[in-house]
Amino acid sequence: MRASKGWIAVGALGVVALIAWAAQGAVRSSEPPVEDAGEPEQEVAAPIEVTVAPAAMPEHVRWIAVGGGADPELNQISLEEDLLLAREVLGEGGVVLFAGGPGTRAVQVTDDGERGDPLRRELGDLLVPRGGRDARYQPARLAMHGPATLDATVEALRAALTDGDEPLLLWVAAHGDRGELPAESTALLWGGTELDPKTIEETVASTESPRPLRMVITSCYAGGFAELAFDGLDPDRGASPLDVCGFFATSWDEEASGCDPSPDRASHEAWSIHVLEALRGRDRAGNDVRAELDLDHDGRVSLAEADARARIAALSFDLPTSTSARLLRVIAPSEGPSAAVSMPEDEVVVRAIGERLDIDGESDAQARLDALARRQVELEAAIEARAEEADEAWWAVVGELLSRWPVLDDPWHPDFDATLVREADAIRAFLVRSEARARWLEAQDDLGAMQETEAALRVQAAPLRRWLEAYESIALAGRLRASGGEAWARYERMRACERGTW
């Protein structure tokens, strides 16, 4: 279900309407919460200052940053941290749309403390499992201009596309969803709304004399937005006439890392963090590495150079891609003569990862990747088998539990609270004695350990896959250069777009 519009505006009035909408939301969110005298007192985390009023709109928009989850459970603190860093790195002239907008109190943060009634926690984990119960929600620290809804994003993008001539940067730090086809990938925005490649294409195409658009999208399945390289998002129709390009955290059919509720920023690891640090000439540790990043020695770090650095340095399972990489795989000859071509961003990836992993050519990299893939297939089969055992145990314990206390799987049932109070001792005794529950808990622990191993295998495989992608790009570009013509010219224009700034 899609959320209703956050604001309604046309053309230049969008900025005014955005501020008015956000101010109204700020007033509502600033009202003190109603206290329930019946609730037991609990230790409360130290208050965090809330930015209630909307941030002042810039006179000229250089970049737009959109982030957060579709709902509080998906609104992890790492997404807010990414936009805080983006605002610092990208500088003045930005519009920030985050979660529910100014005054939002829905930033998810892991809380290791034991809170609430233990019996309720056990029943919730068993009967109605969901994420976020080990977390608390805190006010946003990010100064923002509005909510990260689809309507707000499109309105901000449409207004900014006519605000000058130099390139505009769109940065999206959100969750994503996979479509049946690459162009059907979506970035999930606040209130259950979705941003897809078609919406971006239509917004740019319907704008008279739009500015060039550069994108960085960090969500799962973000590679589907690379289809914007093609006219009508259709590879069969050739390259797009629009001046649009971008970099994406992963391919259209793979998840991305980075959505983490841990308050420890040092524990966050994702391609996007390395891109942002590289844009200001630093590595993740804060060291100045601008000379190392500036591959064309022009005194600045482009998006393409920052992406190259992130492909090398990110210790995550991200598989970054770009519009030029996608275009190249469609228009380059699969065989034929090759010509010398300069591919500095891919060359540095091949060199750096190759040296770090001591890769002895393409066949060696592929053999190592194949070995990891075999281990992963075996592990996935074991996970599937253990999950079936966990499912059988779950049905057994739930059947026993609900046959005696049928309202326990509905905490909104009018008899739930009375049943829990009256039967608490008996329910606890049942959970302790239940052999089926013991089997289920053991299976859950096993599955958790197996999934951690699977994630570790994906992290091991990622640099090999990035190396092979870069190696292939160099080979394909050489053949495309040899064939020349309009195809090569279009690829060069796409690379120039990605190598620019904003």
Protein backbone atom coordinates (compact mmCIF):
# COMPACT_ATOMS: atom_id res chain seq x y z
CA MET A 1 0.00 0.00 0.00
CA ARG A 2 1.29 3.44 -0.89
CA ALA A 3 1.29 6.30 1.58
CA SER A 4 -0.61 9.48 0.85
CA LYS A 5 1.22 12.51 -0.48
CA GLY A 6 3.52 14.29 1.96
CA TRP A 7 2.98 17.62 0.18
CA ILE A 8 1.36 18.86 -3.00
CA ALA A 9 3.16 21.47 -5.05
CA VAL A 10 3.84 22.52 -8.61
CA GLY A 11 7.10 23.80 -10.07
CA ALA A 12 8.91 26.44 -8.03
CA LEU A 13 6.18 26.34 -5.37
CA GLY A 14 7.54 22.92 -4.33
CA VAL A 15 10.17 24.50 -2.05
CA VAL A 16 7.59 26.66 -0.25
CA ALA A 17 5.15 23.79 0.10
CA LEU A 18 7.90 21.51 1.39
CA ILE A 19 8.82 23.96 4.17
CA ALA A 20 5.16 24.43 5.09
CA TRP A 21 4.53 20.67 5.18
CA ALA A 22 7.62 20.03 7.28
CA ALA A 23 6.76 22.84 9.70
CA GLN A 24 3.28 21.39 10.24
CA GLY A 25 4.80 17.98 10.92
CA ALA A 26 7.31 19.58 13.27
CA VAL A 27 4.56 21.17 15.33
CA ARG A 28 2.74 17.86 15.64
CA SER A 29 5.89 15.93 16.54
CA SER A 30 6.93 18.47 19.18
CA GLU A 31 3.88 17.81 21.37
CA PRO A 32 4.82 16.07 24.63
CA PRO A 33 3.95 12.36 24.79
CA VAL A 34 1.02 11.27 26.93
CA GLU A 35 2.25 9.38 29.98
CA ASP A 36 0.57 6.17 31.03
CA ALA A 37 0.60 5.94 34.82
CA GLY A 38 0.02 2.21 34.60
CA GLU A 39 3.29 1.45 32.82
CA PRO A 40 6.19 0.24 35.00
CA GLU A 41 9.14 2.60 35.19
CA GLN A 42 12.08 1.64 32.96
CA GLU A 43 15.55 3.01 32.56
CA VAL A 44 15.51 5.52 29.73
CA ALA A 45 18.50 6.34 27.54
CA ALA A 46 19.94 9.84 27.74
CA PRO A 47 17.88 12.27 25.62
CA ILE A 48 19.19 13.25 22.20
CA GLU A 49 18.60 16.69 20.81
CA VAL A 50 15.93 16.70 18.14
CA THR A 51 15.96 18.93 15.09
CA VAL A 52 12.27 19.89 15.08
CA ALA A 53 12.19 22.76 12.61
CA PRO A 54 12.98 22.00 8.96
CA ALA A 55 16.41 22.96 7.68
CA ALA A 56 16.60 26.12 5.62
CA MET A 57 16.39 25.51 1.92
CA PRO A 58 19.56 26.40 -0.02
CA GLU A 59 19.45 29.21 -2.55
CA HIS A 60 20.86 26.81 -5.13
CA VAL A 61 20.54 23.02 -4.96
CA ARG A 62 23.72 21.11 -5.77
CA TRP A 63 22.65 17.73 -4.38
CA ILE A 64 19.68 15.82 -2.97
CA ALA A 65 20.09 13.08 -0.35
CA VAL A 66 17.21 10.72 0.33
CA GLY A 67 17.33 8.07 3.04
CA GLY A 68 15.75 5.95 5.72
CA GLY A 69 13.45 2.96 5.74
CA ALA A 70 9.86 2.41 4.73
CA ASP A 71 8.87 2.13 8.42
CA PRO A 72 10.62 2.41 11.81
CA GLU A 73 11.76 -1.23 11.80
CA LEU A 74 13.77 -0.51 8.63
CA ASN A 75 15.01 2.90 9.69
CA GLN A 76 18.38 1.83 11.08
CA ILE A 77 20.81 4.33 12.56
CA SER A 78 23.44 3.48 9.93
CA LEU A 79 21.21 5.08 7.27
CA GLU A 80 21.05 8.29 9.30
CA GLU A 81 24.82 8.13 9.85
CA ASP A 82 25.33 7.78 6.08
CA LEU A 83 23.32 10.92 5.41
CA LEU A 84 25.08 12.80 8.21
CA LEU A 85 28.37 11.91 6.52
CA ALA A 86 26.98 12.76 3.08
CA ARG A 87 25.93 16.19 4.30
CA GLU A 88 29.42 16.80 5.69
CA VAL A 89 31.21 15.55 2.58
CA LEU A 90 28.99 17.04 -0.11
CA GLY A 91 28.95 20.47 1.46
CA GLU A 92 26.59 23.38 0.97
CA GLY A 93 23.63 23.42 -1.37
CA GLY A 94 21.99 20.17 -0.33
CA VAL A 95 18.40 19.07 0.22
CA VAL A 96 17.96 16.23 2.74
CA LEU A 97 14.84 14.06 2.86
CA PHE A 98 14.92 11.50 5.65
CA ALA A 99 12.40 9.02 7.06
CA GLY A 100 9.25 10.79 8.28
CA GLY A 101 10.74 14.27 8.03
CA PRO A 102 11.70 16.91 10.62
CA GLY A 103 10.92 15.84 14.16
CA THR A 104 10.90 12.12 13.38
CA ARG A 105 11.57 9.87 16.38
CA ALA A 106 11.93 6.64 14.47
CA VAL A 107 15.69 5.99 14.17
CA GLN A 108 16.29 2.36 15.14
CA VAL A 109 19.22 1.66 17.50
CA THR A 110 20.19 -1.71 18.97
CA ASP A 111 19.70 -1.88 22.74
CA ASP A 112 21.37 -4.85 24.44
CA GLY A 113 19.61 -4.22 27.75
CA GLU A 114 16.85 -6.54 28.94
CA ARG A 115 13.65 -4.52 28.80
CA GLY A 116 10.03 -5.40 29.33
CA ASP A 117 8.47 -8.56 30.72
CA PRO A 118 10.59 -11.67 29.99
CA LEU A 119 7.54 -13.87 29.39
CA ARG A 120 6.12 -11.45 26.85
CA ARG A 121 9.49 -11.39 25.08
CA GLU A 122 9.60 -15.19 24.92
CA LEU A 123 6.06 -15.44 23.60
CA GLY A 124 6.70 -12.68 21.06
CA ASP A 125 9.85 -14.36 19.77
CA LEU A 126 8.01 -17.66 19.43
CA LEU A 127 4.56 -16.67 18.18
CA VAL A 128 5.00 -13.34 16.39
CA PRO A 129 8.71 -12.97 15.53
CA ARG A 130 9.77 -9.66 14.01
CA GLY A 131 12.82 -7.47 13.89
CA GLY A 132 13.36 -4.46 16.07
CA ARG A 133 12.41 -5.86 19.46
CA ASP A 134 16.04 -5.66 20.55
CA ALA A 135 16.12 -1.99 19.57
CA ARG A 136 14.96 1.36 20.80
CA TYR A 137 13.89 4.32 18.68
CA GLN A 138 15.46 7.72 19.09
CA PRO A 139 14.90 11.18 17.59
CA ALA A 140 16.76 11.96 14.40
CA ARG A 141 19.88 14.10 14.73
CA LEU A 142 19.90 14.94 11.03
CA ALA A 143 18.86 18.40 9.90
CA MET A 144 16.43 17.74 7.08
CA HIS A 145 14.04 19.48 4.73
CA GLY A 146 11.24 16.95 4.50
CA PRO A 147 10.18 13.30 4.55
CA ALA A 148 11.75 10.65 2.35
CA THR A 149 8.53 9.80 0.52
CA LEU A 150 8.22 9.23 -3.20
CA ASP A 151 6.25 12.43 -3.76
CA ALA A 152 8.75 14.49 -1.78
CA THR A 153 11.67 12.96 -3.68
CA VAL A 154 10.14 13.51 -7.11
CA GLU A 155 9.11 17.07 -6.29
CA ALA A 156 12.58 17.92 -4.98
CA LEU A 157 14.20 16.31 -8.02
CA ARG A 158 11.90 18.07 -10.48
CA ALA A 159 12.52 21.48 -8.90
CA ALA A 160 16.29 20.99 -8.69
CA LEU A 161 16.63 19.81 -12.31
CA THR A 162 15.76 23.33 -13.49
CA ASP A 163 17.94 25.09 -10.89
CA GLY A 164 21.05 25.84 -12.95
CA ASP A 165 23.13 24.07 -15.57
CA GLU A 166 25.84 22.15 -13.70
CA PRO A 167 25.30 18.47 -12.75
CA LEU A 168 22.94 17.57 -9.92
CA LEU A 169 23.77 14.69 -7.56
CA LEU A 170 21.03 12.38 -6.24
CA TRP A 171 22.17 10.22 -3.30
CA VAL A 172 19.76 7.49 -2.11
CA ALA A 173 20.53 5.58 1.11
CA ALA A 174 17.60 3.23 1.61
CA HIS A 175 16.46 -0.36 1.46
CA GLY A 176 15.60 -1.93 -1.87
CA ASP A 177 13.40 -4.54 -3.47
CA ARG A 178 14.10 -6.80 -6.45
CA GLY A 179 11.90 -6.92 -9.50
CA GLU A 180 11.41 -9.65 -12.06
CA LEU A 181 13.54 -7.59 -14.45
CA PRO A 182 16.44 -5.24 -13.69
CA ALA A 183 14.44 -2.09 -14.49
CA GLU A 184 11.82 -3.16 -11.94
CA SER A 185 14.18 -2.78 -8.99
CA THR A 186 13.00 -0.24 -6.44
CA ALA A 187 14.32 1.82 -3.53
CA LEU A 188 11.88 1.64 -0.61
CA LEU A 189 10.96 5.02 0.83
CA TRP A 190 9.06 6.19 3.89
CA GLY A 191 5.43 5.18 4.22
CA GLY A 192 5.71 2.20 1.89
CA THR A 193 6.38 4.26 -1.24
CA GLU A 194 8.93 3.19 -3.86
CA LEU A 195 11.33 4.93 -6.22
CA ASP A 196 12.06 3.04 -9.44
CA PRO A 197 14.19 3.72 -12.54
CA LYS A 198 11.15 4.56 -14.64
CA THR A 199 10.14 7.36 -12.28
CA ILE A 200 13.60 8.91 -12.53
CA GLU A 201 13.61 8.60 -16.32
CA GLU A 202 10.16 10.14 -16.66
CA THR A 203 11.02 12.99 -14.28
CA VAL A 204 14.16 13.91 -16.21
CA ALA A 205 12.55 13.43 -19.63
CA SER A 206 9.54 15.60 -18.73
CA THR A 207 11.72 18.48 -17.48
CA GLU A 208 12.52 21.16 -20.03
CA SER A 209 16.30 21.55 -20.42
CA PRO A 210 17.18 19.52 -17.32
CA ARG A 211 20.58 19.63 -15.64
CA PRO A 212 22.80 16.55 -15.99
CA LEU A 213 21.95 14.03 -13.26
CA ARG A 214 24.49 11.92 -11.34
CA MET A 215 23.24 9.21 -8.98
CA VAL A 216 24.58 7.13 -6.12
CA ILE A 217 22.13 4.50 -4.88
CA THR A 218 23.16 2.25 -2.01
CA SER A 219 20.12 -0.01 -1.58
CA CYS A 220 19.81 -3.73 -2.17
CA TYR A 221 19.28 -4.56 -5.87
CA ALA A 222 20.32 -0.99 -6.73
CA GLY A 223 21.99 -2.19 -9.94
CA GLY A 224 18.58 -2.17 -11.59
CA PHE A 225 18.91 1.63 -11.78
CA ALA A 226 21.84 1.12 -14.17
CA GLU A 227 19.15 0.40 -16.82
CA LEU A 228 18.88 4.19 -17.04
CA ALA A 229 21.83 3.82 -19.41
CA PHE A 230 19.31 2.69 -22.04
CA ASP A 231 16.59 4.47 -23.97
CA GLY A 232 13.29 3.62 -22.29
CA LEU A 233 15.22 1.36 -19.87
CA ASP A 234 15.38 -1.15 -22.74
CA PRO A 235 18.83 -2.46 -23.78
CA ASP A 236 17.42 -3.35 -27.22
CA ARG A 237 16.75 0.34 -27.93
CA GLY A 238 20.35 1.45 -27.42
CA ALA A 239 21.86 4.12 -25.23
CA SER A 240 19.65 6.69 -23.51
CA PRO A 241 19.67 10.24 -24.90
CA LEU A 242 19.39 11.60 -21.33
CA ASP A 243 22.44 12.99 -19.54
CA VAL A 244 22.06 10.59 -16.60
CA CYS A 245 24.63 8.27 -15.03
CA GLY A 246 25.37 6.70 -11.70
CA PHE A 247 26.98 4.25 -9.33
CA PHE A 248 25.17 1.55 -7.41
CA ALA A 249 26.11 -0.51 -4.36
CA THR A 250 25.34 -3.85 -5.95
CA SER A 251 23.87 -5.65 -8.94
CA TRP A 252 20.14 -5.77 -9.71
CA ASP A 253 19.78 -9.30 -8.31
CA GLU A 254 22.00 -9.09 -5.19
CA GLU A 255 21.56 -7.67 -1.72
CA ALA A 256 23.75 -4.84 -0.44
CA SER A 257 25.26 -4.41 3.00
CA GLY A 258 25.02 -1.36 5.22
CA CYS A 259 21.64 -1.27 7.03
CA ASP A 260 22.81 -1.69 10.62
CA PRO A 261 21.04 -0.68 13.86
CA SER A 262 24.26 -0.83 15.90
CA PRO A 263 25.15 2.54 17.46
CA ASP A 264 28.85 1.73 16.94
CA ARG A 265 29.70 3.56 13.71
CA ALA A 266 33.06 1.79 13.51
CA SER A 267 31.21 -1.52 13.10
CA HIS A 268 29.34 -0.32 10.00
CA GLU A 269 30.88 -1.56 6.77
CA ALA A 270 29.57 -0.84 3.29
CA TRP A 271 30.65 0.35 -0.15
CA SER A 272 28.79 3.63 0.40
CA ILE A 273 30.86 4.66 3.43
CA HIS A 274 34.10 4.22 1.46
CA VAL A 275 32.69 6.25 -1.45
CA LEU A 276 31.89 9.16 0.85
CA GLU A 277 35.25 9.05 2.60
CA ALA A 278 37.05 8.88 -0.76
CA LEU A 279 35.17 11.94 -2.03
CA ARG A 280 36.87 13.98 0.67
CA GLY A 281 40.23 12.37 -0.03
CA ARG A 282 40.37 10.06 2.98
CA ASP A 283 40.39 6.36 3.76
CA ARG A 284 38.08 4.84 6.37
CA ALA A 285 40.62 5.52 9.11
CA GLY A 286 40.65 9.22 8.26
CA ASN A 287 44.08 9.29 6.60
CA ASP A 288 44.62 11.72 3.73
CA VAL A 289 44.99 9.58 0.58
CA ARG A 290 43.92 12.14 -2.02
CA ALA A 291 47.09 11.71 -4.08
CA GLU A 292 46.41 7.98 -4.26
CA LEU A 293 42.75 8.45 -5.22
CA ASP A 294 43.25 11.17 -7.86
CA LEU A 295 43.92 8.83 -10.78
CA ASP A 296 43.81 11.52 -13.49
CA HIS A 297 45.83 14.00 -11.39
CA ASP A 298 43.37 16.84 -11.86
CA GLY A 299 43.39 17.81 -8.18
CA ARG A 300 39.97 16.41 -7.27
CA VAL A 301 38.31 13.05 -6.60
CA SER A 302 35.50 12.21 -9.01
CA LEU A 303 32.61 9.84 -8.38
CA ALA A 304 34.32 7.27 -10.61
CA GLU A 305 37.56 7.51 -8.62
CA ALA A 306 35.67 7.25 -5.31
CA ASP A 307 33.82 4.18 -6.59
CA ALA A 308 37.13 2.57 -7.61
CA ARG A 309 38.49 3.14 -4.11
CA ALA A 310 35.35 1.66 -2.53
CA ARG A 311 35.52 -1.41 -4.76
CA ILE A 312 39.03 -2.00 -3.45
CA ALA A 313 38.58 -1.13 0.21
CA ALA A 314 35.04 -2.19 1.20
CA LEU A 315 35.18 -5.30 3.39
CA SER A 316 31.58 -6.17 2.60
CA PHE A 317 29.70 -8.42 0.20
CA ASP A 318 28.68 -5.46 -2.00
CA LEU A 319 29.12 -5.94 -5.75
CA PRO A 320 29.17 -2.36 -7.08
CA THR A 321 28.23 -1.51 -10.63
CA SER A 322 27.59 1.57 -12.75
CA THR A 323 25.74 2.81 -15.82
CA SER A 324 28.91 2.61 -17.94
CA ALA A 325 29.63 -0.96 -16.81
CA ARG A 326 26.08 -1.97 -17.74
CA LEU A 327 26.20 -0.16 -21.09
CA LEU A 328 29.55 -1.74 -21.93
CA ARG A 329 28.20 -5.27 -21.45
CA VAL A 330 25.44 -4.63 -23.97
CA ILE A 331 27.21 -2.68 -26.73
CA ALA A 332 30.75 -4.16 -26.68
CA PRO A 333 31.58 -7.04 -29.08
CA SER A 334 31.85 -10.39 -27.31
CA GLU A 335 34.89 -11.24 -29.43
CA GLY A 336 37.15 -9.74 -32.06
CA PRO A 337 40.19 -7.47 -32.21
CA SER A 338 41.17 -5.29 -29.28
CA ALA A 339 42.73 -1.83 -29.11
CA ALA A 340 44.65 -0.13 -26.35
CA VAL A 341 42.35 1.84 -24.06
CA SER A 342 42.84 3.76 -20.82
CA MET A 343 40.66 2.33 -18.02
CA PRO A 344 42.33 3.80 -14.90
CA GLU A 345 39.49 3.09 -12.46
CA ASP A 346 39.22 -0.60 -13.42
CA GLU A 347 42.98 -0.97 -13.78
CA VAL A 348 43.57 0.19 -10.21
CA VAL A 349 40.93 -2.26 -8.95
CA VAL A 350 42.61 -5.14 -10.78
CA ARG A 351 46.02 -4.14 -9.54
CA ALA A 352 45.13 -3.45 -5.90
CA ILE A 353 42.88 -6.46 -5.30
CA GLY A 354 45.20 -8.68 -7.31
CA GLU A 355 48.17 -7.72 -5.15
CA ARG A 356 46.23 -8.08 -1.90
CA LEU A 357 44.88 -11.53 -2.75
CA ASP A 358 47.89 -12.61 -4.83
CA ILE A 359 45.68 -13.40 -7.83
CA ASP A 360 47.52 -15.11 -10.66
CA GLY A 361 45.34 -14.16 -13.61
CA GLU A 362 41.70 -14.66 -14.59
CA SER A 363 41.68 -18.45 -14.32
CA ASP A 364 43.06 -18.32 -10.77
CA ALA A 365 40.46 -15.78 -9.66
CA GLN A 366 37.66 -17.80 -11.25
CA ALA A 367 38.87 -21.05 -9.70
CA ARG A 368 38.88 -19.50 -6.24
CA LEU A 369 35.44 -18.06 -6.78
CA ASP A 370 34.12 -21.43 -7.98
CA ALA A 371 35.48 -23.11 -4.85
CA LEU A 372 33.69 -20.59 -2.64
CA ALA A 373 30.52 -21.05 -4.68
CA ARG A 374 30.61 -24.81 -4.10
CA ARG A 375 30.96 -24.27 -0.36
CA GLN A 376 28.07 -21.85 -0.45
CA VAL A 377 25.82 -24.29 -2.32
CA GLU A 378 26.58 -26.99 0.26
CA LEU A 379 25.88 -24.57 3.08
CA GLU A 380 22.61 -23.41 1.54
CA ALA A 381 21.45 -27.03 1.33
CA ALA A 382 22.33 -27.54 5.01
CA ILE A 383 20.50 -24.33 5.95
CA GLU A 384 17.41 -25.45 4.07
CA ALA A 385 17.42 -28.83 5.81
CA ARG A 386 17.91 -27.30 9.26
CA ALA A 387 15.20 -24.72 8.55
CA GLU A 388 12.74 -27.54 7.81
CA GLU A 389 13.61 -29.14 11.15
CA ALA A 390 13.14 -25.80 12.89
CA ASP A 391 9.78 -25.38 11.18
CA GLU A 392 8.59 -28.81 12.34
CA ALA A 393 9.65 -28.07 15.92
CA TRP A 394 7.95 -24.66 15.78
CA TRP A 395 4.63 -26.13 14.69
CA ALA A 396 4.87 -28.71 17.46
CA VAL A 397 5.47 -26.22 20.28
CA VAL A 398 2.99 -23.68 18.95
CA GLY A 399 0.34 -26.37 18.57
CA GLU A 400 0.84 -27.48 22.17
CA LEU A 401 0.84 -23.90 23.47
CA LEU A 402 -2.22 -22.63 21.61
CA SER A 403 -4.26 -25.74 22.31
CA ARG A 404 -4.19 -24.64 25.98
CA TRP A 405 -4.06 -20.83 25.61
CA PRO A 406 -5.52 -19.98 22.17
CA VAL A 407 -5.42 -16.18 22.55
CA LEU A 408 -1.66 -15.95 23.13
CA ASP A 409 -0.81 -15.40 19.46
CA ASP A 410 -2.87 -12.19 19.39
CA PRO A 411 -1.66 -9.54 21.86
CA TRP A 412 -4.52 -7.29 20.71
CA HIS A 413 -7.19 -9.83 21.76
CA PRO A 414 -9.31 -8.49 24.64
CA ASP A 415 -8.57 -11.63 26.67
CA PHE A 416 -4.80 -11.61 26.10
CA ASP A 417 -3.71 -9.53 29.11
CA ALA A 418 -6.04 -11.28 31.53
CA THR A 419 -4.87 -14.68 30.29
CA LEU A 420 -1.21 -13.75 30.61
CA VAL A 421 -1.67 -12.48 34.16
CA ARG A 422 -3.81 -15.40 35.33
CA GLU A 423 -1.81 -18.16 33.61
CA ALA A 424 1.72 -16.73 33.74
CA ASP A 425 3.18 -19.44 36.01
CA ALA A 426 1.64 -22.24 33.99
CA ILE A 427 2.83 -20.75 30.70
CA ARG A 428 6.38 -20.36 32.02
CA ALA A 429 6.38 -23.95 33.25
CA PHE A 430 5.16 -25.17 29.86
CA LEU A 431 7.90 -23.29 27.99
CA VAL A 432 10.58 -24.69 30.31
CA ARG A 433 9.37 -28.30 29.97
CA SER A 434 8.56 -28.28 26.24
CA GLU A 435 10.89 -30.59 24.32
CA ALA A 436 9.62 -29.16 21.03
CA ARG A 437 10.60 -25.64 22.14
CA ALA A 438 14.05 -26.88 23.13
CA ARG A 439 14.46 -28.39 19.65
CA TRP A 440 13.28 -25.19 18.06
CA LEU A 441 15.68 -23.03 20.08
CA GLU A 442 18.59 -25.32 19.22
CA ALA A 443 17.69 -25.16 15.52
CA GLN A 444 17.46 -21.37 15.70
CA ASP A 445 20.96 -21.18 17.19
CA ASP A 446 22.31 -23.50 14.50
CA LEU A 447 20.67 -21.47 11.73
CA GLY A 448 22.11 -18.25 13.12
CA ALA A 449 25.63 -19.70 13.09
CA MET A 450 25.19 -21.13 9.59
CA GLN A 451 23.91 -17.82 8.24
CA GLU A 452 26.92 -16.03 9.72
CA THR A 453 29.16 -18.51 7.89
CA GLU A 454 27.24 -17.89 4.67
CA ALA A 455 27.70 -14.12 5.06
CA ALA A 456 31.43 -14.64 5.64
CA LEU A 457 31.67 -16.66 2.40
CA ARG A 458 29.94 -13.85 0.51
CA VAL A 459 32.42 -11.33 1.93
CA GLN A 460 35.30 -13.61 0.82
CA ALA A 461 33.84 -13.91 -2.66
CA ALA A 462 33.15 -10.20 -3.16
CA PRO A 463 36.69 -8.97 -3.93
CA LEU A 464 37.19 -11.86 -6.37
CA ARG A 465 33.96 -10.94 -8.13
CA ARG A 466 34.93 -7.25 -8.21
CA TRP A 467 38.34 -8.18 -9.64
CA LEU A 468 36.75 -10.31 -12.37
CA GLU A 469 34.23 -7.56 -13.22
CA ALA A 470 37.00 -4.97 -13.57
CA TYR A 471 39.16 -7.38 -15.59
CA GLU A 472 36.24 -8.09 -17.94
CA SER A 473 35.48 -4.37 -18.32
CA ILE A 474 39.03 -3.70 -19.51
CA ALA A 475 38.77 -6.49 -22.09
CA LEU A 476 35.33 -5.38 -23.31
CA ALA A 477 36.41 -1.74 -23.57
CA GLY A 478 39.39 -2.78 -25.69
CA ARG A 479 37.14 -4.56 -28.18
CA LEU A 480 34.65 -1.69 -28.22
CA ARG A 481 37.47 0.77 -28.85
CA ALA A 482 38.67 -1.34 -31.77
CA SER A 483 35.20 -1.30 -33.34
CA GLY A 484 34.89 2.47 -32.80
CA GLY A 485 31.90 4.33 -34.19
CA GLU A 486 28.93 5.77 -32.33
CA ALA A 487 28.90 2.93 -29.79
CA TRP A 488 32.38 3.84 -28.59
CA ALA A 489 31.51 7.56 -28.59
CA ARG A 490 28.42 6.90 -26.46
CA TYR A 491 30.42 4.82 -24.00
CA GLU A 492 33.00 7.61 -23.73
CA ARG A 493 30.22 10.12 -23.00
CA MET A 494 28.89 7.87 -20.26
CA ARG A 495 32.34 7.54 -18.70
CA ALA A 496 32.79 11.30 -18.87
CA CYS A 497 29.48 11.70 -17.04
CA GLU A 498 30.63 9.35 -14.27
CA ARG A 499 34.02 11.02 -13.99
CA GLY A 500 32.53 14.42 -13.40
CA THR A 501 31.63 16.19 -10.19
CA TRP A 502 28.54 18.16 -9.29
